[in-house]
Amino acid sequence: MKKAILLSLLPFTAMAASTSIKGMGNYQDWDLVCDNTGTCRMAGYQDESSDPVSILFTRAAGENAAVEGKFTILPFGEADRDVQVGQDIEIWLNGKSLGKVKHISDDAPDKLTEEQTK
């Protein structure tokens, strides 16, 4: 069974820009924070229709720093969970598929590929 996770969020290309954001704030559905080392994090969350989901993008300081993406899903409970460990999950962001990620563990975030963070 194919499972799709819908995230109605801002495209994360803003995170890849070399312009730094100082401090913290919000932009549309994203929470943004940059620390004193120049590392910035951008977090977004699911629509209200499914298990709690978050996606976190982290970009270290530096003009050529790569963006790291992590995907976390927190099932409500075993009886009514939508996603099982080992299942492929298709991630949708602003109506565009980012592809699939395998849900490895309920205890740690699943990593997005480099292609999924562009």
N, C-alpha and C. Protein backbone atom coordinates (compact mmCIF):
# COMPACT_ATOMS: atom_id res chain seq x y z
N MET A 1 0.85 -1.18 0.00
CA MET A 1 0.00 0.00 0.00
C MET A 1 0.89 1.24 0.00
N LYS A 2 0.61 2.15 -0.90
CA LYS A 2 1.37 3.39 -0.98
C LYS A 2 0.80 4.39 0.00
N LYS A 3 1.66 4.98 0.80
CA LYS A 3 1.22 5.97 1.78
C LYS A 3 1.80 7.31 1.38
N ALA A 4 0.98 8.32 1.32
CA ALA A 4 1.45 9.66 0.97
C ALA A 4 1.28 10.57 2.18
N ILE A 5 2.28 11.33 2.46
CA ILE A 5 2.23 12.31 3.53
C ILE A 5 2.16 13.68 2.86
N LEU A 6 1.13 14.43 3.17
CA LEU A 6 0.94 15.74 2.56
C LEU A 6 1.41 16.82 3.51
N LEU A 7 2.31 17.63 3.04
CA LEU A 7 2.81 18.76 3.81
C LEU A 7 2.52 20.01 2.99
N SER A 8 1.71 20.90 3.52
CA SER A 8 1.43 22.13 2.80
C SER A 8 2.35 23.20 3.35
N LEU A 9 3.53 23.28 2.78
CA LEU A 9 4.57 24.13 3.31
C LEU A 9 5.25 24.92 2.20
N LEU A 10 6.03 25.89 2.60
CA LEU A 10 6.84 26.70 1.71
C LEU A 10 7.94 25.86 1.09
N PRO A 11 8.25 26.04 -0.19
CA PRO A 11 9.39 25.33 -0.75
C PRO A 11 10.65 25.66 0.03
N PHE A 12 11.48 24.66 0.27
CA PHE A 12 12.63 24.87 1.12
C PHE A 12 13.83 25.40 0.39
N THR A 13 13.65 25.86 -0.84
CA THR A 13 14.76 26.48 -1.55
C THR A 13 15.20 27.75 -0.84
N ALA A 14 14.31 28.37 -0.08
CA ALA A 14 14.68 29.56 0.69
C ALA A 14 15.79 29.23 1.67
N MET A 15 15.80 28.01 2.16
CA MET A 15 16.82 27.59 3.11
C MET A 15 18.19 27.52 2.45
N ALA A 16 18.23 27.20 1.17
CA ALA A 16 19.50 27.02 0.48
C ALA A 16 20.14 28.34 0.08
N ALA A 17 19.41 29.40 0.17
CA ALA A 17 19.96 30.71 -0.20
C ALA A 17 21.11 31.08 0.72
N SER A 18 22.07 31.80 0.20
CA SER A 18 23.24 32.14 1.02
C SER A 18 22.97 33.30 1.97
N THR A 19 21.83 33.96 1.82
CA THR A 19 21.49 35.05 2.73
C THR A 19 21.11 34.47 4.08
N SER A 20 21.71 34.98 5.13
CA SER A 20 21.41 34.43 6.45
C SER A 20 20.21 35.13 7.07
N ILE A 21 19.48 34.38 7.88
CA ILE A 21 18.36 34.90 8.64
C ILE A 21 18.84 34.99 10.08
N LYS A 22 18.76 36.13 10.69
CA LYS A 22 19.26 36.29 12.06
C LYS A 22 18.13 36.02 13.04
N GLY A 23 18.42 35.21 14.06
CA GLY A 23 17.45 34.97 15.12
C GLY A 23 16.45 33.91 14.76
N MET A 24 15.18 34.20 15.06
CA MET A 24 14.14 33.23 14.77
C MET A 24 12.88 33.93 14.32
N GLY A 25 12.02 33.15 13.67
CA GLY A 25 10.78 33.72 13.19
C GLY A 25 9.97 32.67 12.46
N ASN A 26 8.94 33.13 11.78
CA ASN A 26 8.05 32.27 11.01
C ASN A 26 7.90 32.85 9.62
N TYR A 27 7.78 31.97 8.66
CA TYR A 27 7.47 32.37 7.30
C TYR A 27 6.44 31.39 6.78
N GLN A 28 5.25 31.88 6.48
CA GLN A 28 4.12 31.04 6.10
C GLN A 28 3.98 29.93 7.13
N ASP A 29 4.11 28.66 6.74
CA ASP A 29 3.93 27.55 7.68
C ASP A 29 5.23 27.05 8.29
N TRP A 30 6.32 27.74 8.07
CA TRP A 30 7.64 27.29 8.54
C TRP A 30 8.07 28.02 9.80
N ASP A 31 8.72 27.30 10.71
CA ASP A 31 9.41 27.89 11.86
C ASP A 31 10.88 27.96 11.50
N LEU A 32 11.48 29.14 11.65
CA LEU A 32 12.88 29.36 11.27
C LEU A 32 13.68 29.80 12.47
N VAL A 33 14.91 29.28 12.58
CA VAL A 33 15.81 29.72 13.65
C VAL A 33 17.25 29.58 13.16
N CYS A 34 18.05 30.59 13.47
CA CYS A 34 19.49 30.56 13.18
C CYS A 34 20.22 30.83 14.48
N ASP A 35 21.26 30.04 14.74
CA ASP A 35 22.01 30.23 15.98
C ASP A 35 23.25 31.10 15.75
N ASN A 36 24.02 31.31 16.80
CA ASN A 36 25.16 32.21 16.70
C ASN A 36 26.34 31.62 15.92
N THR A 37 26.25 30.35 15.51
CA THR A 37 27.29 29.77 14.66
C THR A 37 26.97 29.93 13.18
N GLY A 38 25.78 30.46 12.89
CA GLY A 38 25.36 30.62 11.51
C GLY A 38 24.59 29.43 10.96
N THR A 39 24.35 28.43 11.80
CA THR A 39 23.55 27.28 11.39
C THR A 39 22.08 27.65 11.47
N CYS A 40 21.34 27.35 10.40
CA CYS A 40 19.92 27.67 10.35
C CYS A 40 19.10 26.39 10.23
N ARG A 41 17.95 26.41 10.87
CA ARG A 41 17.03 25.28 10.83
C ARG A 41 15.64 25.79 10.45
N MET A 42 14.96 24.98 9.66
CA MET A 42 13.63 25.32 9.21
C MET A 42 12.75 24.09 9.40
N ALA A 43 11.67 24.23 10.16
CA ALA A 43 10.80 23.10 10.47
C ALA A 43 9.39 23.38 9.98
N GLY A 44 8.78 22.34 9.44
CA GLY A 44 7.40 22.42 8.99
C GLY A 44 6.65 21.18 9.45
N TYR A 45 5.32 21.28 9.45
CA TYR A 45 4.50 20.23 10.02
C TYR A 45 3.36 19.87 9.08
N GLN A 46 2.75 18.70 9.31
CA GLN A 46 1.69 18.16 8.46
C GLN A 46 0.43 19.00 8.50
N ASP A 47 -0.45 18.68 7.53
CA ASP A 47 -1.79 19.22 7.66
C ASP A 47 -2.45 18.45 8.80
N GLU A 48 -3.64 18.78 9.17
CA GLU A 48 -4.26 18.22 10.37
C GLU A 48 -4.94 16.87 10.15
N SER A 49 -4.79 16.26 8.98
CA SER A 49 -5.57 15.07 8.67
C SER A 49 -4.88 13.74 8.92
N SER A 50 -3.67 13.74 9.46
CA SER A 50 -2.95 12.48 9.60
C SER A 50 -2.09 12.46 10.85
N ASP A 51 -1.31 11.38 11.00
CA ASP A 51 -0.38 11.27 12.12
C ASP A 51 0.52 12.50 12.17
N PRO A 52 0.97 12.89 13.36
CA PRO A 52 1.88 14.04 13.47
C PRO A 52 3.17 13.79 12.68
N VAL A 53 3.49 14.73 11.80
CA VAL A 53 4.66 14.64 10.92
C VAL A 53 5.41 15.95 11.00
N SER A 54 6.74 15.86 10.98
CA SER A 54 7.54 17.08 10.86
C SER A 54 8.67 16.83 9.87
N ILE A 55 9.10 17.90 9.26
CA ILE A 55 10.24 17.85 8.35
C ILE A 55 11.17 18.98 8.78
N LEU A 56 12.44 18.65 8.93
CA LEU A 56 13.43 19.60 9.42
C LEU A 56 14.56 19.71 8.42
N PHE A 57 14.87 20.93 8.02
CA PHE A 57 16.00 21.21 7.15
C PHE A 57 17.02 21.99 7.95
N THR A 58 18.27 21.55 7.87
CA THR A 58 19.36 22.20 8.60
C THR A 58 20.44 22.57 7.60
N ARG A 59 20.92 23.80 7.71
CA ARG A 59 22.00 24.27 6.85
C ARG A 59 23.05 24.92 7.73
N ALA A 60 24.25 24.34 7.73
CA ALA A 60 25.36 24.91 8.50
C ALA A 60 25.83 26.19 7.84
N ALA A 61 26.60 26.97 8.57
CA ALA A 61 27.15 28.21 8.02
C ALA A 61 28.07 27.90 6.85
N GLY A 62 28.18 28.84 5.95
CA GLY A 62 29.08 28.69 4.82
C GLY A 62 28.34 28.74 3.51
N GLU A 63 28.95 29.38 2.55
CA GLU A 63 28.32 29.60 1.25
C GLU A 63 27.97 28.30 0.54
N ASN A 64 28.79 27.28 0.67
CA ASN A 64 28.57 26.02 -0.05
C ASN A 64 28.04 24.90 0.84
N ALA A 65 27.52 25.24 1.99
CA ALA A 65 27.02 24.22 2.92
C ALA A 65 25.81 23.50 2.33
N ALA A 66 25.78 22.21 2.52
CA ALA A 66 24.66 21.41 2.04
C ALA A 66 23.49 21.50 3.02
N VAL A 67 22.30 21.27 2.51
CA VAL A 67 21.10 21.23 3.34
C VAL A 67 20.83 19.77 3.71
N GLU A 68 20.66 19.52 4.99
CA GLU A 68 20.32 18.18 5.47
C GLU A 68 18.83 18.15 5.80
N GLY A 69 18.14 17.11 5.37
CA GLY A 69 16.72 16.99 5.64
C GLY A 69 16.40 15.77 6.48
N LYS A 70 15.53 15.94 7.45
CA LYS A 70 15.07 14.83 8.29
C LYS A 70 13.55 14.86 8.35
N PHE A 71 12.98 13.67 8.36
CA PHE A 71 11.54 13.48 8.33
C PHE A 71 11.15 12.64 9.54
N THR A 72 10.21 13.12 10.33
CA THR A 72 9.78 12.40 11.52
C THR A 72 8.27 12.22 11.49
N ILE A 73 7.84 11.01 11.78
CA ILE A 73 6.41 10.73 11.91
C ILE A 73 6.21 10.08 13.27
N LEU A 74 5.22 10.56 13.99
CA LEU A 74 4.92 10.06 15.33
C LEU A 74 3.53 9.44 15.33
N PRO A 75 3.44 8.14 15.13
CA PRO A 75 2.12 7.50 15.10
C PRO A 75 1.39 7.69 16.43
N PHE A 76 0.05 7.80 16.35
CA PHE A 76 -0.77 7.97 17.54
C PHE A 76 -0.70 6.74 18.44
N GLY A 77 -0.67 5.57 17.87
CA GLY A 77 -0.64 4.32 18.63
C GLY A 77 -0.66 3.14 17.69
N GLU A 78 -0.36 1.97 18.21
CA GLU A 78 -0.27 0.78 17.36
C GLU A 78 -1.60 0.45 16.69
N ALA A 79 -2.70 0.61 17.38
CA ALA A 79 -3.99 0.18 16.86
C ALA A 79 -4.46 1.01 15.67
N ASP A 80 -4.19 2.30 15.69
CA ASP A 80 -4.75 3.16 14.64
C ASP A 80 -3.68 3.86 13.81
N ARG A 81 -2.47 3.35 13.80
CA ARG A 81 -1.39 4.01 13.07
C ARG A 81 -1.56 3.86 11.56
N ASP A 82 -1.19 4.90 10.84
CA ASP A 82 -1.29 4.91 9.38
C ASP A 82 -0.02 4.37 8.72
N VAL A 83 1.12 4.47 9.39
CA VAL A 83 2.41 4.11 8.81
C VAL A 83 3.12 3.10 9.70
N GLN A 84 3.62 2.05 9.08
CA GLN A 84 4.36 1.02 9.80
C GLN A 84 5.86 1.18 9.57
N VAL A 85 6.67 0.75 10.53
CA VAL A 85 8.12 0.74 10.35
C VAL A 85 8.44 -0.16 9.16
N GLY A 86 9.33 0.29 8.29
CA GLY A 86 9.71 -0.44 7.09
C GLY A 86 8.90 -0.06 5.86
N GLN A 87 7.87 0.73 6.05
CA GLN A 87 7.00 1.13 4.95
C GLN A 87 7.60 2.32 4.20
N ASP A 88 7.42 2.34 2.88
CA ASP A 88 7.80 3.50 2.08
C ASP A 88 6.72 4.56 2.21
N ILE A 89 7.15 5.80 2.41
CA ILE A 89 6.22 6.92 2.55
C ILE A 89 6.53 7.91 1.45
N GLU A 90 5.52 8.32 0.72
CA GLU A 90 5.71 9.35 -0.30
C GLU A 90 5.44 10.70 0.34
N ILE A 91 6.37 11.62 0.16
CA ILE A 91 6.26 12.94 0.77
C ILE A 91 5.82 13.93 -0.30
N TRP A 92 4.76 14.69 0.01
CA TRP A 92 4.25 15.73 -0.89
C TRP A 92 4.43 17.08 -0.22
N LEU A 93 4.95 18.03 -0.97
CA LEU A 93 5.19 19.37 -0.46
C LEU A 93 4.66 20.36 -1.48
N ASN A 94 3.65 21.14 -1.10
CA ASN A 94 3.03 22.12 -2.01
C ASN A 94 2.58 21.49 -3.32
N GLY A 95 1.96 20.33 -3.24
CA GLY A 95 1.43 19.68 -4.43
C GLY A 95 2.46 18.97 -5.29
N LYS A 96 3.71 18.90 -4.85
CA LYS A 96 4.78 18.26 -5.62
C LYS A 96 5.36 17.11 -4.81
N SER A 97 5.50 15.97 -5.45
CA SER A 97 6.09 14.81 -4.78
C SER A 97 7.59 15.00 -4.63
N LEU A 98 8.08 14.79 -3.41
CA LEU A 98 9.53 14.80 -3.18
C LEU A 98 10.09 13.38 -3.28
N GLY A 99 9.26 12.44 -3.61
CA GLY A 99 9.69 11.05 -3.69
C GLY A 99 9.39 10.32 -2.40
N LYS A 100 10.00 9.17 -2.25
CA LYS A 100 9.71 8.31 -1.11
C LYS A 100 10.87 8.27 -0.14
N VAL A 101 10.52 8.02 1.10
CA VAL A 101 11.50 7.76 2.16
C VAL A 101 11.01 6.51 2.89
N LYS A 102 11.94 5.65 3.25
CA LYS A 102 11.57 4.45 4.01
C LYS A 102 11.52 4.81 5.48
N HIS A 103 10.40 4.50 6.12
CA HIS A 103 10.24 4.77 7.55
C HIS A 103 11.01 3.69 8.31
N ILE A 104 12.19 4.04 8.81
CA ILE A 104 13.10 3.10 9.44
C ILE A 104 12.75 2.84 10.91
N SER A 105 12.34 3.90 11.62
CA SER A 105 12.14 3.76 13.06
C SER A 105 11.17 4.81 13.58
N ASP A 106 10.41 4.45 14.59
CA ASP A 106 9.57 5.43 15.27
C ASP A 106 10.38 6.26 16.26
N ASP A 107 11.61 5.82 16.53
CA ASP A 107 12.44 6.46 17.56
C ASP A 107 13.46 7.46 17.03
N ALA A 108 13.66 7.51 15.72
CA ALA A 108 14.65 8.42 15.14
C ALA A 108 14.13 8.94 13.81
N PRO A 109 14.54 10.15 13.42
CA PRO A 109 14.07 10.69 12.14
C PRO A 109 14.62 9.91 10.95
N ASP A 110 13.85 9.86 9.88
CA ASP A 110 14.30 9.29 8.62
C ASP A 110 15.00 10.39 7.84
N LYS A 111 16.10 10.05 7.17
CA LYS A 111 16.87 11.06 6.44
C LYS A 111 16.37 11.19 5.01
N LEU A 112 16.29 12.43 4.55
CA LEU A 112 15.95 12.70 3.17
C LEU A 112 17.22 12.62 2.33
N THR A 113 17.07 12.29 1.06
CA THR A 113 18.21 12.23 0.17
C THR A 113 18.63 13.65 -0.23
N GLU A 114 19.81 13.76 -0.80
CA GLU A 114 20.28 15.06 -1.28
C GLU A 114 19.32 15.63 -2.32
N GLU A 115 18.81 14.77 -3.18
CA GLU A 115 17.87 15.22 -4.22
C GLU A 115 16.58 15.77 -3.59
N GLN A 116 16.14 15.19 -2.48
CA GLN A 116 14.91 15.63 -1.82
C GLN A 116 15.09 16.95 -1.08
N THR A 117 16.30 17.38 -0.85
CA THR A 117 16.52 18.64 -0.12
C THR A 117 16.82 19.80 -1.05
N LYS A 118 16.80 19.58 -2.36
CA LYS A 118 17.07 20.67 -3.31
C LYS A 118 15.83 21.48 -3.56
